[in-house]
N, C-alpha and C. Protein backbone atom coordinates (compact mmCIF):
# COMPACT_ATOMS: atom_id res chain seq x y z
N MET A 1 79.37 112.60 84.59
CA MET A 1 80.17 111.40 84.45
C MET A 1 81.40 111.48 85.34
N THR A 2 81.96 112.62 85.51
CA THR A 2 83.17 112.77 86.32
C THR A 2 82.95 112.27 87.75
N ASN A 3 81.77 112.55 88.31
CA ASN A 3 81.49 112.11 89.68
C ASN A 3 81.52 110.59 89.79
N TYR A 4 81.00 109.89 88.76
CA TYR A 4 81.02 108.44 88.78
C TYR A 4 82.44 107.91 88.73
N LEU A 5 83.28 108.53 87.93
CA LEU A 5 84.66 108.10 87.83
C LEU A 5 85.42 108.38 89.12
N GLU A 6 85.14 109.52 89.72
CA GLU A 6 85.76 109.82 91.01
C GLU A 6 85.33 108.80 92.06
N GLU A 7 84.07 108.43 92.03
CA GLU A 7 83.57 107.43 92.97
C GLU A 7 84.23 106.08 92.72
N LEU A 8 84.41 105.72 91.46
CA LEU A 8 85.10 104.48 91.11
C LEU A 8 86.52 104.50 91.68
N GLY A 9 87.22 105.61 91.50
CA GLY A 9 88.57 105.74 92.03
C GLY A 9 88.61 105.65 93.55
N ASN A 10 87.67 106.31 94.21
CA ASN A 10 87.61 106.25 95.67
C ASN A 10 87.31 104.83 96.15
N ASN A 11 86.41 104.14 95.45
CA ASN A 11 86.10 102.75 95.81
C ASN A 11 87.31 101.85 95.63
N LEU A 12 88.06 102.08 94.57
CA LEU A 12 89.28 101.31 94.33
C LEU A 12 90.27 101.53 95.47
N ARG A 13 90.48 102.77 95.85
CA ARG A 13 91.41 103.09 96.94
C ARG A 13 90.98 102.40 98.25
N ARG A 14 89.69 102.51 98.57
CA ARG A 14 89.18 101.87 99.80
C ARG A 14 89.36 100.37 99.77
N ALA A 15 89.04 99.76 98.65
CA ALA A 15 89.16 98.31 98.52
C ALA A 15 90.62 97.87 98.63
N ARG A 16 91.50 98.64 98.01
CA ARG A 16 92.94 98.31 98.10
C ARG A 16 93.40 98.35 99.54
N LYS A 17 93.01 99.38 100.26
CA LYS A 17 93.46 99.53 101.65
C LYS A 17 92.85 98.48 102.57
N LEU A 18 91.64 98.03 102.26
CA LEU A 18 91.01 96.98 103.07
C LEU A 18 91.62 95.61 102.78
N ARG A 19 91.79 95.30 101.50
CA ARG A 19 92.27 93.96 101.10
C ARG A 19 93.76 93.80 101.30
N PHE A 20 94.52 94.84 101.01
CA PHE A 20 95.98 94.80 101.12
C PHE A 20 96.47 95.99 101.95
N PRO A 21 96.19 96.00 103.24
CA PRO A 21 96.50 97.17 104.07
C PRO A 21 97.99 97.52 104.14
N LYS A 22 98.86 96.57 103.88
CA LYS A 22 100.30 96.85 103.95
C LYS A 22 100.87 97.33 102.62
N ASP A 23 100.06 97.25 101.56
CA ASP A 23 100.52 97.69 100.24
C ASP A 23 100.41 99.21 100.11
N GLY A 24 101.48 99.82 99.69
CA GLY A 24 101.41 101.21 99.26
C GLY A 24 101.04 101.22 97.78
N LEU A 25 101.06 102.39 97.19
CA LEU A 25 100.72 102.50 95.77
C LEU A 25 101.62 101.64 94.88
N ALA A 26 102.92 101.70 95.13
CA ALA A 26 103.87 100.97 94.28
C ALA A 26 103.66 99.46 94.37
N ALA A 27 103.43 98.94 95.57
CA ALA A 27 103.25 97.50 95.74
C ALA A 27 101.97 97.01 95.08
N PHE A 28 100.88 97.77 95.24
CA PHE A 28 99.63 97.33 94.62
C PHE A 28 99.69 97.50 93.11
N ALA A 29 100.33 98.54 92.65
CA ALA A 29 100.50 98.74 91.20
C ALA A 29 101.22 97.53 90.60
N LEU A 30 102.23 97.03 91.29
CA LEU A 30 102.95 95.86 90.83
C LEU A 30 102.02 94.65 90.78
N ARG A 31 101.18 94.49 91.77
CA ARG A 31 100.22 93.37 91.80
C ARG A 31 99.31 93.37 90.57
N ILE A 32 98.87 94.54 90.15
CA ILE A 32 97.91 94.60 89.04
C ILE A 32 98.57 94.86 87.69
N GLY A 33 99.88 95.03 87.69
CA GLY A 33 100.62 95.16 86.44
C GLY A 33 100.55 96.52 85.78
N VAL A 34 100.50 97.57 86.61
CA VAL A 34 100.52 98.93 86.07
C VAL A 34 101.60 99.73 86.78
N SER A 35 101.90 100.89 86.27
CA SER A 35 102.87 101.75 86.94
C SER A 35 102.19 102.44 88.13
N ARG A 36 103.02 102.95 89.01
CA ARG A 36 102.51 103.68 90.17
C ARG A 36 101.67 104.89 89.73
N SER A 37 102.16 105.58 88.71
CA SER A 37 101.44 106.76 88.23
C SER A 37 100.09 106.40 87.62
N THR A 38 100.01 105.23 86.95
CA THR A 38 98.73 104.79 86.41
C THR A 38 97.76 104.47 87.54
N LEU A 39 98.25 103.82 88.59
CA LEU A 39 97.38 103.53 89.74
C LEU A 39 96.89 104.83 90.38
N GLN A 40 97.75 105.81 90.46
CA GLN A 40 97.32 107.11 91.00
C GLN A 40 96.19 107.68 90.16
N LYS A 41 96.32 107.59 88.84
CA LYS A 41 95.27 108.06 87.95
C LYS A 41 93.98 107.28 88.17
N MET A 42 94.11 105.97 88.32
CA MET A 42 92.94 105.12 88.54
C MET A 42 92.22 105.52 89.82
N GLU A 43 92.97 105.79 90.86
CA GLU A 43 92.36 106.15 92.14
C GLU A 43 91.76 107.55 92.13
N LYS A 44 92.08 108.32 91.10
CA LYS A 44 91.45 109.64 90.92
C LYS A 44 90.27 109.55 89.95
N GLY A 45 90.08 108.35 89.34
CA GLY A 45 88.99 108.19 88.38
C GLY A 45 89.31 108.80 87.03
N ASP A 46 90.56 108.74 86.65
CA ASP A 46 91.01 109.34 85.39
C ASP A 46 90.41 108.59 84.19
N LEU A 47 89.77 109.33 83.31
CA LEU A 47 89.11 108.77 82.13
C LEU A 47 90.10 108.20 81.11
N THR A 48 91.36 108.58 81.17
CA THR A 48 92.33 108.11 80.18
C THR A 48 92.84 106.70 80.46
N VAL A 49 92.54 106.14 81.62
CA VAL A 49 93.00 104.79 81.96
C VAL A 49 92.03 103.77 81.36
N ALA A 50 92.59 102.77 80.69
CA ALA A 50 91.77 101.75 80.04
C ALA A 50 90.94 100.97 81.06
N THR A 51 89.73 100.63 80.67
CA THR A 51 88.82 99.89 81.54
C THR A 51 89.41 98.55 81.96
N GLY A 52 90.20 97.95 81.09
CA GLY A 52 90.83 96.67 81.41
C GLY A 52 91.73 96.74 82.63
N LYS A 53 92.33 97.87 82.86
CA LYS A 53 93.18 98.04 84.04
C LYS A 53 92.34 98.07 85.31
N TYR A 54 91.18 98.72 85.23
CA TYR A 54 90.26 98.72 86.37
C TYR A 54 89.76 97.30 86.63
N TYR A 55 89.48 96.57 85.55
CA TYR A 55 89.00 95.20 85.70
C TYR A 55 90.07 94.32 86.34
N ARG A 56 91.30 94.48 85.93
CA ARG A 56 92.39 93.69 86.52
C ARG A 56 92.50 93.98 88.01
N ALA A 57 92.37 95.22 88.40
CA ALA A 57 92.39 95.58 89.82
C ALA A 57 91.23 94.90 90.54
N ALA A 58 90.06 94.90 89.91
CA ALA A 58 88.88 94.25 90.51
C ALA A 58 89.13 92.75 90.69
N GLU A 59 89.78 92.13 89.73
CA GLU A 59 90.12 90.70 89.85
C GLU A 59 91.01 90.45 91.05
N ILE A 60 92.07 91.22 91.17
CA ILE A 60 93.03 91.05 92.26
C ILE A 60 92.36 91.30 93.61
N LEU A 61 91.42 92.22 93.64
CA LEU A 61 90.71 92.55 94.88
C LEU A 61 89.55 91.59 95.17
N GLY A 62 89.30 90.65 94.27
CA GLY A 62 88.20 89.72 94.45
C GLY A 62 86.84 90.34 94.17
N LEU A 63 86.82 91.36 93.34
CA LEU A 63 85.58 92.09 93.05
C LEU A 63 85.17 92.02 91.59
N ALA A 64 85.72 91.08 90.84
CA ALA A 64 85.43 91.00 89.41
C ALA A 64 83.94 90.76 89.15
N ASP A 65 83.28 90.00 90.01
CA ASP A 65 81.85 89.74 89.79
C ASP A 65 81.03 91.02 89.90
N THR A 66 81.41 91.90 90.79
CA THR A 66 80.67 93.16 90.91
C THR A 66 81.00 94.08 89.73
N PHE A 67 82.21 94.00 89.24
CA PHE A 67 82.60 94.79 88.07
C PHE A 67 81.79 94.33 86.86
N ASP A 68 81.64 93.02 86.70
CA ASP A 68 80.86 92.48 85.59
C ASP A 68 79.42 92.95 85.65
N ALA A 69 78.91 93.17 86.84
CA ALA A 69 77.52 93.58 87.02
C ALA A 69 77.26 95.00 86.49
N LEU A 70 78.29 95.77 86.26
CA LEU A 70 78.10 97.13 85.76
C LEU A 70 77.36 97.16 84.43
N LEU A 71 77.60 96.17 83.60
CA LEU A 71 77.01 96.16 82.26
C LEU A 71 75.89 95.14 82.12
N HIS A 72 75.45 94.58 83.23
CA HIS A 72 74.36 93.60 83.19
C HIS A 72 73.02 94.32 83.19
N GLN A 73 72.16 93.88 82.30
CA GLN A 73 70.83 94.46 82.23
C GLN A 73 69.82 93.33 82.26
N ASP A 74 68.91 93.39 83.20
CA ASP A 74 67.85 92.40 83.28
C ASP A 74 66.88 92.61 82.13
N GLU A 75 66.41 91.50 81.59
CA GLU A 75 65.41 91.59 80.52
C GLU A 75 64.05 91.81 81.15
N SER A 76 63.23 92.55 80.47
CA SER A 76 61.87 92.75 80.93
C SER A 76 60.94 91.97 80.00
N LEU A 77 59.71 91.89 80.37
CA LEU A 77 58.72 91.20 79.54
C LEU A 77 58.51 91.91 78.21
N PHE A 78 58.91 93.16 78.14
CA PHE A 78 58.68 93.97 76.94
C PHE A 78 59.89 94.03 76.01
N ASP A 79 61.01 93.40 76.41
CA ASP A 79 62.21 93.42 75.58
C ASP A 79 62.03 92.51 74.36
N ASP A 80 62.56 92.95 73.25
CA ASP A 80 62.56 92.15 72.04
C ASP A 80 63.76 91.22 72.11
N PRO A 81 63.57 89.89 72.04
CA PRO A 81 64.68 88.95 72.18
C PRO A 81 65.61 88.91 70.97
N ARG A 82 65.23 89.54 69.87
CA ARG A 82 66.08 89.54 68.68
C ARG A 82 67.28 90.45 68.87
N PRO A 83 68.47 90.04 68.38
CA PRO A 83 69.65 90.91 68.49
C PRO A 83 69.45 92.19 67.71
N VAL A 84 70.06 93.24 68.19
CA VAL A 84 69.95 94.55 67.55
C VAL A 84 70.90 94.64 66.39
């Protein structure tokens, strides 16, 4: 699981630098409403940061639709349509 979180953090860092190349950590942290230290944790894939903060960053970066896709599961012909 740690590798996935590290990858998430790396992707966040890359997206931030592409979308807002003039923003440093402090400026982008202000955009998404977190502290600089929280953004640093996010970019390291820290498990203690709430998922909502990652989602807010995805919104600001224009990536919320891809974030939503993380929990999307296509139904198969064999799925039971009744709620669990």
